Amino acid sequence: MVSEQYDKAINGSKEEFSRMASRSEAISRDVTKTAIEYIIQWSHKLLEESKTDYPEIILELGEDRIRELKQEHENIILSYDEISMERFDDVDIWPHRLEISDLLDMHGAQIFDVFINAREKLNEAVKELIGITGELLIRYGLVKKGSNNWKTVSGKKVVYAFGLTRYDATDNLDGMWKAYQDSLKQFQGSLDSVRKAIREKEAAEAKDLWDQA
């Protein structure tokens, strides 16, 4: 009977954990949507800036090559939704998707690191995705020689080399991420409740075993 009471408490805590995970998942979808909008806006911004930053190169390209550039860029914009969804499907960005068994195996400092590093993992993904636009600009010569804004990783992938560019859309992304972080605090609280309920059951069972021996 005592064991059943503890199991009921554990199951109740796990149900709350599931509710918090679902809440975080809903917010993660909003973050993903905002991040894709941010990438697309940044991509357009980079192309527009190249027009004014490199007029001599634009003139050298000529009308046909400019038309090709615009079409390639449009294709990239159209592909960003699908490519971004695939890239953002990463548990390192969304720790609420970790299995409860894996989370319970971690100690507090490990969980803290996973939660803290999640934003950097998101930023890395964004910089990889905007690198698709960067590769296009490099290919058409619309990047200054010696520019360190872009770097190549894994031998071929172009990524943005610095922090995320600040403009209006950045505030939207930061705001959505804060909402996700806030949900993670409640998520972690529900995980702590599960851990506490399991420990209480183990302590009671250990006491019973000790008393019976």
Protein backbone atom coordinates (compact mmCIF):
# COMPACT_ATOMS: atom_id res chain seq x y z
CA MET A 1 0.00 0.00 0.00
CA VAL A 2 2.83 2.39 0.93
CA SER A 3 4.59 1.56 -2.34
CA GLU A 4 1.39 2.31 -4.27
CA GLN A 5 1.20 5.73 -2.63
CA TYR A 6 4.75 6.53 -3.71
CA ASP A 7 4.06 5.23 -7.24
CA LYS A 8 1.03 7.52 -7.41
CA ALA A 9 3.20 10.48 -6.41
CA ILE A 10 5.82 9.53 -9.01
CA ASN A 11 3.23 9.16 -11.76
CA GLY A 12 1.68 12.50 -10.84
CA SER A 13 5.09 14.16 -11.03
CA LYS A 14 5.77 12.54 -14.40
CA GLU A 15 2.44 13.78 -15.74
CA GLU A 16 3.37 17.32 -14.72
CA PHE A 17 6.78 16.81 -16.35
CA SER A 18 5.04 15.80 -19.59
CA ARG A 19 2.84 18.89 -19.44
CA MET A 20 5.88 21.13 -19.01
CA ALA A 21 7.67 19.35 -21.86
CA SER A 22 4.64 19.93 -24.11
CA ARG A 23 4.60 23.61 -23.16
CA SER A 24 8.31 23.94 -23.99
CA GLU A 25 7.74 22.11 -27.27
CA ALA A 26 5.04 24.57 -28.30
CA ILE A 27 7.35 27.50 -27.56
CA SER A 28 10.23 25.79 -29.39
CA ARG A 29 8.09 25.76 -32.54
CA ASP A 30 7.57 29.51 -32.16
CA VAL A 31 11.32 30.00 -31.69
CA THR A 32 12.00 27.94 -34.82
CA LYS A 33 9.54 30.00 -36.86
CA THR A 34 11.08 33.24 -35.59
CA ALA A 35 14.61 31.99 -36.28
CA ILE A 36 13.70 31.11 -39.88
CA GLU A 37 12.18 34.57 -40.37
CA TYR A 38 15.37 36.06 -38.93
CA ILE A 39 17.58 34.07 -41.34
CA ILE A 40 15.47 35.01 -44.37
CA GLN A 41 15.50 38.70 -43.44
CA TRP A 42 19.25 38.58 -42.81
CA SER A 43 19.77 36.88 -46.18
CA HIS A 44 17.83 39.62 -47.98
CA LYS A 45 19.78 42.23 -46.04
CA LEU A 46 23.12 40.73 -47.07
CA LEU A 47 22.15 40.74 -50.75
CA GLU A 48 20.89 44.32 -50.59
CA GLU A 49 24.10 45.46 -48.87
CA SER A 50 26.22 43.80 -51.55
CA LYS A 51 24.54 46.01 -54.17
CA THR A 52 25.78 49.18 -52.46
CA ASP A 53 29.04 47.81 -51.02
CA TYR A 54 30.39 46.42 -54.30
CA PRO A 55 29.08 48.54 -57.19
CA GLU A 56 32.21 47.85 -59.27
CA ILE A 57 31.67 44.09 -59.00
CA ILE A 58 27.97 44.46 -59.84
CA LEU A 59 28.98 46.33 -63.00
CA GLU A 60 31.50 43.61 -63.88
CA LEU A 61 28.89 40.87 -63.44
CA GLY A 62 26.59 42.34 -66.03
CA GLU A 63 22.86 41.88 -66.47
CA ASP A 64 22.82 38.14 -67.18
CA ARG A 65 24.99 37.22 -64.20
CA ILE A 66 23.02 39.54 -61.93
CA ARG A 67 19.83 37.81 -63.05
CA GLU A 68 21.43 34.43 -62.25
CA LEU A 69 22.49 35.73 -58.83
CA LYS A 70 18.98 36.93 -58.03
CA GLN A 71 17.45 33.62 -59.12
CA GLU A 72 19.91 31.59 -57.06
CA HIS A 73 19.19 33.78 -54.06
CA GLU A 74 15.45 33.36 -54.53
CA ASN A 75 15.93 29.59 -54.64
CA ILE A 76 17.87 29.77 -51.38
CA ILE A 77 15.09 31.80 -49.76
CA LEU A 78 12.51 29.25 -50.89
CA SER A 79 14.61 26.40 -49.50
CA TYR A 80 15.27 27.95 -46.09
CA ASP A 81 12.04 26.67 -44.50
CA GLU A 82 12.78 23.00 -45.16
CA ILE A 83 16.54 23.18 -44.60
CA SER A 84 16.13 25.15 -41.37
CA MET A 85 13.52 22.77 -39.98
CA GLU A 86 15.94 19.88 -40.54
CA ARG A 87 18.88 21.74 -38.98
CA PHE A 88 16.87 22.90 -35.97
CA ASP A 89 15.70 19.35 -35.27
CA ASP A 90 18.49 18.98 -32.73
CA VAL A 91 18.07 17.90 -29.13
CA ASP A 92 21.13 20.00 -28.21
CA ILE A 93 19.06 23.09 -29.05
CA TRP A 94 15.91 21.81 -27.34
CA PRO A 95 16.85 20.02 -24.07
CA HIS A 96 13.18 19.53 -23.19
CA ARG A 97 13.18 16.78 -25.86
CA LEU A 98 15.64 14.67 -23.89
CA GLU A 99 14.22 11.46 -22.49
CA ILE A 100 13.32 11.70 -18.82
CA SER A 101 15.54 8.68 -18.10
CA ASP A 102 18.54 10.50 -19.59
CA LEU A 103 17.79 13.64 -17.60
CA LEU A 104 17.44 11.69 -14.36
CA ASP A 105 20.86 10.17 -14.98
CA MET A 106 22.44 13.63 -15.09
CA HIS A 107 23.50 15.56 -12.02
CA GLY A 108 22.51 19.17 -11.50
CA ALA A 109 25.62 20.74 -13.04
CA GLN A 110 25.27 18.64 -16.20
CA ILE A 111 21.65 19.69 -16.68
CA PHE A 112 22.59 23.32 -16.08
CA ASP A 113 25.29 23.13 -18.77
CA VAL A 114 22.88 21.53 -21.25
CA PHE A 115 20.31 24.29 -20.67
CA ILE A 116 22.87 27.11 -20.79
CA ASN A 117 24.56 25.80 -23.96
CA ALA A 118 21.27 25.46 -25.83
CA ARG A 119 21.26 29.10 -27.03
CA GLU A 120 24.80 28.79 -28.37
CA LYS A 121 23.72 25.66 -30.26
CA LEU A 122 20.85 27.65 -31.78
CA ASN A 123 23.25 30.43 -32.78
CA GLU A 124 25.59 27.90 -34.38
CA ALA A 125 22.72 26.53 -36.44
CA VAL A 126 21.67 30.02 -37.55
CA LYS A 127 25.24 30.88 -38.58
CA GLU A 128 25.48 27.65 -40.58
CA LEU A 129 22.21 28.39 -42.36
CA ILE A 130 23.09 32.00 -43.22
CA GLY A 131 26.34 30.55 -44.53
CA ILE A 132 24.36 29.27 -47.52
CA THR A 133 23.82 32.89 -48.50
CA GLY A 134 27.44 33.65 -47.65
CA GLU A 135 28.65 30.95 -50.02
CA LEU A 136 26.54 32.49 -52.80
CA LEU A 137 28.02 35.96 -52.21
CA ILE A 138 31.56 34.55 -52.14
CA ARG A 139 30.96 32.70 -55.39
CA TYR A 140 29.87 35.91 -57.11
CA GLY A 141 32.77 37.90 -55.63
CA LEU A 142 30.53 40.00 -53.41
CA VAL A 143 32.79 39.65 -50.38
CA LYS A 144 35.90 41.76 -49.80
CA LYS A 145 39.21 39.97 -50.23
CA GLY A 146 40.57 39.07 -46.83
CA SER A 147 37.16 39.51 -45.21
CA ASN A 148 36.87 37.47 -42.04
CA ASN A 149 33.07 37.61 -41.82
CA TRP A 150 32.86 34.10 -43.25
CA LYS A 151 34.84 30.98 -42.47
CA THR A 152 34.95 27.50 -43.90
CA VAL A 153 34.45 24.52 -41.59
CA SER A 154 34.75 20.80 -42.27
CA GLY A 155 36.66 21.67 -45.42
CA LYS A 156 33.70 23.05 -47.38
CA LYS A 157 30.84 24.46 -45.28
CA VAL A 158 30.70 28.27 -45.13
CA VAL A 159 29.44 29.72 -41.85
CA TYR A 160 29.18 33.22 -40.42
CA ALA A 161 32.23 33.82 -38.25
CA PHE A 162 30.91 36.21 -35.62
CA GLY A 163 27.89 36.73 -33.39
CA LEU A 164 24.42 37.14 -34.83
CA THR A 165 23.92 40.42 -36.67
CA ARG A 166 21.86 42.87 -34.67
CA TYR A 167 18.79 44.40 -36.28
CA ASP A 168 15.03 44.49 -35.62
CA ALA A 169 14.48 40.77 -36.17
CA THR A 170 17.16 39.96 -33.58
CA ASP A 171 14.98 41.38 -30.82
CA ASN A 172 12.13 39.10 -31.91
CA LEU A 173 14.41 36.07 -31.73
CA ASP A 174 15.81 37.10 -28.34
CA GLY A 175 12.30 37.60 -27.00
CA MET A 176 11.13 34.19 -28.16
CA TRP A 177 14.23 32.55 -26.72
CA LYS A 178 13.60 34.18 -23.35
CA ALA A 179 10.11 32.66 -23.37
CA TYR A 180 11.68 29.27 -24.07
CA GLN A 181 14.20 29.75 -21.25
CA ASP A 182 11.39 30.62 -18.86
CA SER A 183 9.57 27.44 -19.87
CA LEU A 184 12.76 25.46 -19.19
CA LYS A 185 12.80 26.71 -15.61
CA GLN A 186 9.35 25.21 -15.06
CA PHE A 187 10.43 22.12 -16.98
CA GLN A 188 13.41 21.68 -14.67
CA GLY A 189 11.18 22.24 -11.64
CA SER A 190 8.93 19.39 -12.77
CA LEU A 191 11.99 17.20 -13.31
CA ASP A 192 13.15 17.96 -9.77
CA SER A 193 9.72 16.89 -8.50
CA VAL A 194 10.02 13.54 -10.31
CA ARG A 195 13.50 13.04 -8.90
CA LYS A 196 12.29 13.88 -5.37
CA ALA A 197 9.33 11.47 -5.60
CA ILE A 198 11.61 8.63 -6.79
CA ARG A 199 14.09 9.28 -3.97
CA GLU A 200 11.33 9.29 -1.39
CA LYS A 201 10.13 5.92 -2.61
CA GLU A 202 13.67 4.52 -2.58
CA ALA A 203 14.23 5.86 0.95
CA ALA A 204 10.98 4.26 2.19
CA GLU A 205 11.81 0.91 0.55
CA ALA A 206 15.33 1.01 1.97
CA LYS A 207 13.93 1.68 5.45
CA ASP A 208 11.46 -1.21 5.15
CA LEU A 209 14.22 -3.55 4.01
CA TRP A 210 16.46 -2.42 6.85
CA ASP A 211 13.72 -2.92 9.46
CA GLN A 212 12.87 -6.39 8.11
CA ALA A 213 16.46 -7.64 8.14
